[in-house]
Amino acid sequence: MQDSNTEQSNTEQKEIPIVWFLLRFGVAFTFLYASISAFINPTPWLAYFPDFLRQAMPDDVLLYTWGGGELIIGLWLLTGYRIFMPSVLAAGLMFGIFIFDFKSMNVIFRNVCILCTSVSLAVISNPHYDFHLFHGEKKAEETHKENGGL
């Protein structure tokens, strides 16, 4: 059973559906584009994988596994259904790319935006997240008590 704060947080998310959709679409688009592009023209994408991954498995297996994962994350985000997990996975992939491909900063600096958006989606979609507390606002019960229970 959800408490009133979680319901309130979820209500606020539903009050701005276009913003919620645009955040999900922005992250999903990048994952879908990269996945489809890697399936169509895999060679340029191989340069972005760190050596230890390329030595661990054949290039085609690496690309299809990575691309398949990106495709799943992108489609899942587009559905809008329980997006906490794909948001966390997206953030993890972006963080990994940032750390392991730091030498390509002139290209991957854009991934910081995708990373931050993915983390934001994960935080907001977390059922234990309280929108009001994050913004320094008081819970409704606290305000109620301060007003003498009125």
Protein backbone atom coordinates (compact mmCIF):
# COMPACT_ATOMS: atom_id res chain seq x y z
CA MET A 1 0.00 0.00 0.00
CA GLN A 2 1.35 3.43 -0.93
CA ASP A 3 1.44 6.27 1.53
CA SER A 4 0.02 9.69 0.67
CA ASN A 5 3.45 11.14 -0.11
CA THR A 6 4.15 8.57 -2.82
CA GLU A 7 0.70 9.09 -4.29
CA GLN A 8 1.28 12.83 -4.24
CA SER A 9 4.64 12.41 -5.98
CA ASN A 10 3.12 10.16 -8.65
CA THR A 11 0.30 12.65 -9.14
CA GLU A 12 2.78 15.44 -9.78
CA GLN A 13 4.49 13.31 -12.40
CA LYS A 14 1.17 12.77 -14.16
CA GLU A 15 0.38 16.49 -14.09
CA ILE A 16 3.25 17.19 -16.50
CA PRO A 17 3.07 14.26 -18.92
CA ILE A 18 4.82 16.03 -21.80
CA VAL A 19 7.90 16.74 -19.66
CA TRP A 20 7.90 13.18 -18.36
CA PHE A 21 7.64 11.86 -21.94
CA LEU A 22 10.35 14.17 -23.29
CA LEU A 23 12.82 13.06 -20.62
CA ARG A 24 12.14 9.40 -21.41
CA PHE A 25 12.19 10.01 -25.17
CA GLY A 26 15.49 11.88 -25.03
CA VAL A 27 17.28 9.02 -23.30
CA ALA A 28 15.45 6.33 -25.30
CA PHE A 29 16.31 8.00 -28.61
CA THR A 30 20.03 7.94 -27.92
CA PHE A 31 19.93 4.26 -27.00
CA LEU A 32 17.76 3.31 -29.97
CA TYR A 33 19.86 5.31 -32.41
CA ALA A 34 23.12 3.81 -31.19
CA SER A 35 21.68 0.30 -31.23
CA ILE A 36 20.21 0.49 -34.72
CA SER A 37 23.27 2.27 -36.11
CA ALA A 38 25.58 -0.39 -34.64
CA PHE A 39 23.50 -3.15 -36.25
CA ILE A 40 23.53 -1.39 -39.65
CA ASN A 41 27.16 -0.18 -39.65
CA PRO A 42 29.08 -1.83 -36.78
CA THR A 43 32.67 -0.91 -37.68
CA PRO A 44 32.74 2.71 -36.39
CA TRP A 45 31.24 1.65 -33.06
CA LEU A 46 33.99 -0.82 -32.24
CA ALA A 47 36.45 2.00 -31.55
CA TYR A 48 34.40 3.07 -28.53
CA PHE A 49 34.74 -0.24 -26.69
CA PRO A 50 37.64 -0.54 -24.26
CA ASP A 51 40.35 -3.06 -25.10
CA PHE A 52 39.52 -5.38 -22.21
CA LEU A 53 35.99 -5.92 -23.61
CA ARG A 54 37.23 -6.43 -27.15
CA GLN A 55 39.71 -9.03 -25.91
CA ALA A 56 37.08 -10.80 -23.80
CA MET A 57 34.78 -11.69 -26.71
CA PRO A 58 34.53 -11.50 -30.50
CA ASP A 59 33.60 -8.10 -31.91
CA ASP A 60 30.29 -9.24 -33.39
CA VAL A 61 29.19 -10.83 -30.10
CA LEU A 62 30.17 -7.68 -28.21
CA LEU A 63 28.31 -5.39 -30.62
CA TYR A 64 25.15 -7.51 -30.78
CA THR A 65 25.05 -7.99 -27.02
CA TRP A 66 25.61 -4.29 -26.32
CA GLY A 67 23.24 -3.22 -29.09
CA GLY A 68 20.56 -5.61 -27.94
CA GLY A 69 20.81 -4.23 -24.42
CA GLU A 70 20.57 -0.68 -25.72
CA LEU A 71 17.53 -1.62 -27.81
CA ILE A 72 15.78 -3.13 -24.79
CA ILE A 73 16.55 -0.12 -22.59
CA GLY A 74 15.35 2.33 -25.25
CA LEU A 75 12.10 0.50 -25.93
CA TRP A 76 11.42 -0.02 -22.22
CA LEU A 77 11.87 3.70 -21.54
CA LEU A 78 9.47 4.55 -24.34
CA THR A 79 6.75 2.37 -22.83
CA GLY A 80 6.82 4.37 -19.62
CA TYR A 81 6.17 1.18 -17.65
CA ARG A 82 8.16 0.87 -14.42
CA ILE A 83 11.09 2.83 -15.75
CA PHE A 84 13.20 2.79 -12.61
CA MET A 85 15.25 -0.23 -13.74
CA PRO A 86 15.93 0.86 -17.34
CA SER A 87 16.82 4.32 -16.04
CA VAL A 88 19.36 2.83 -13.63
CA LEU A 89 20.75 0.61 -16.40
CA ALA A 90 20.99 3.58 -18.78
CA ALA A 91 22.81 5.62 -16.15
CA GLY A 92 25.17 2.72 -15.47
CA LEU A 93 25.99 2.30 -19.15
CA MET A 94 26.60 6.03 -19.56
CA PHE A 95 28.81 6.11 -16.48
CA GLY A 96 30.77 3.12 -17.78
CA ILE A 97 31.24 4.75 -21.16
CA PHE A 98 32.37 7.95 -19.49
CA ILE A 99 34.91 6.16 -17.27
CA PHE A 100 36.28 3.61 -19.76
CA ASP A 101 36.35 5.85 -22.83
CA PHE A 102 37.57 9.04 -21.20
CA LYS A 103 40.18 9.47 -23.95
CA SER A 104 37.29 10.29 -26.32
CA MET A 105 36.01 13.16 -24.20
CA ASN A 106 35.60 15.36 -27.28
CA VAL A 107 32.83 12.97 -28.37
CA ILE A 108 31.46 11.50 -25.14
CA PHE A 109 31.03 14.78 -23.24
CA ARG A 110 27.42 14.66 -24.46
CA ASN A 111 26.92 11.46 -22.50
CA VAL A 112 27.06 13.47 -19.29
CA CYS A 113 23.66 14.93 -20.20
CA ILE A 114 22.28 11.45 -20.90
CA LEU A 115 23.77 10.21 -17.62
CA CYS A 116 22.20 13.03 -15.60
CA THR A 117 18.82 12.62 -17.30
CA SER A 118 18.89 8.87 -16.69
CA VAL A 119 19.72 9.39 -13.01
CA SER A 120 16.91 11.95 -12.76
CA LEU A 121 14.43 9.51 -14.29
CA ALA A 122 15.56 6.81 -11.87
CA VAL A 123 15.17 9.11 -8.88
CA ILE A 124 11.76 10.43 -9.92
CA SER A 125 10.41 7.00 -10.86
CA ASN A 126 11.57 5.43 -7.58
CA PRO A 127 8.41 4.64 -5.59
CA HIS A 128 10.17 5.73 -2.37
CA TYR A 129 11.03 9.17 -3.75
CA ASP A 130 9.21 12.11 -2.16
CA PHE A 131 9.11 15.11 -4.47
CA HIS A 132 8.35 17.56 -1.66
CA LEU A 133 11.21 16.50 0.58
CA PHE A 134 13.68 16.80 -2.28
CA HIS A 135 12.75 20.43 -2.73
CA GLY A 136 13.05 21.16 0.98
CA GLU A 137 9.32 21.29 1.46
CA LYS A 138 7.63 19.74 4.45
CA LYS A 139 5.48 16.67 4.38
CA ALA A 140 1.77 17.34 4.51
CA GLU A 141 1.55 15.69 7.95
CA GLU A 142 4.25 17.98 9.37
CA THR A 143 2.49 21.07 8.09
CA HIS A 144 -0.78 19.73 9.47
CA LYS A 145 0.77 19.24 12.94
CA GLU A 146 2.35 22.70 12.92
CA ASN A 147 -1.02 24.23 12.18
CA GLY A 148 -2.49 22.60 15.28
CA GLY A 149 -4.08 19.75 13.35
CA LEU A 150 -6.32 22.07 11.36
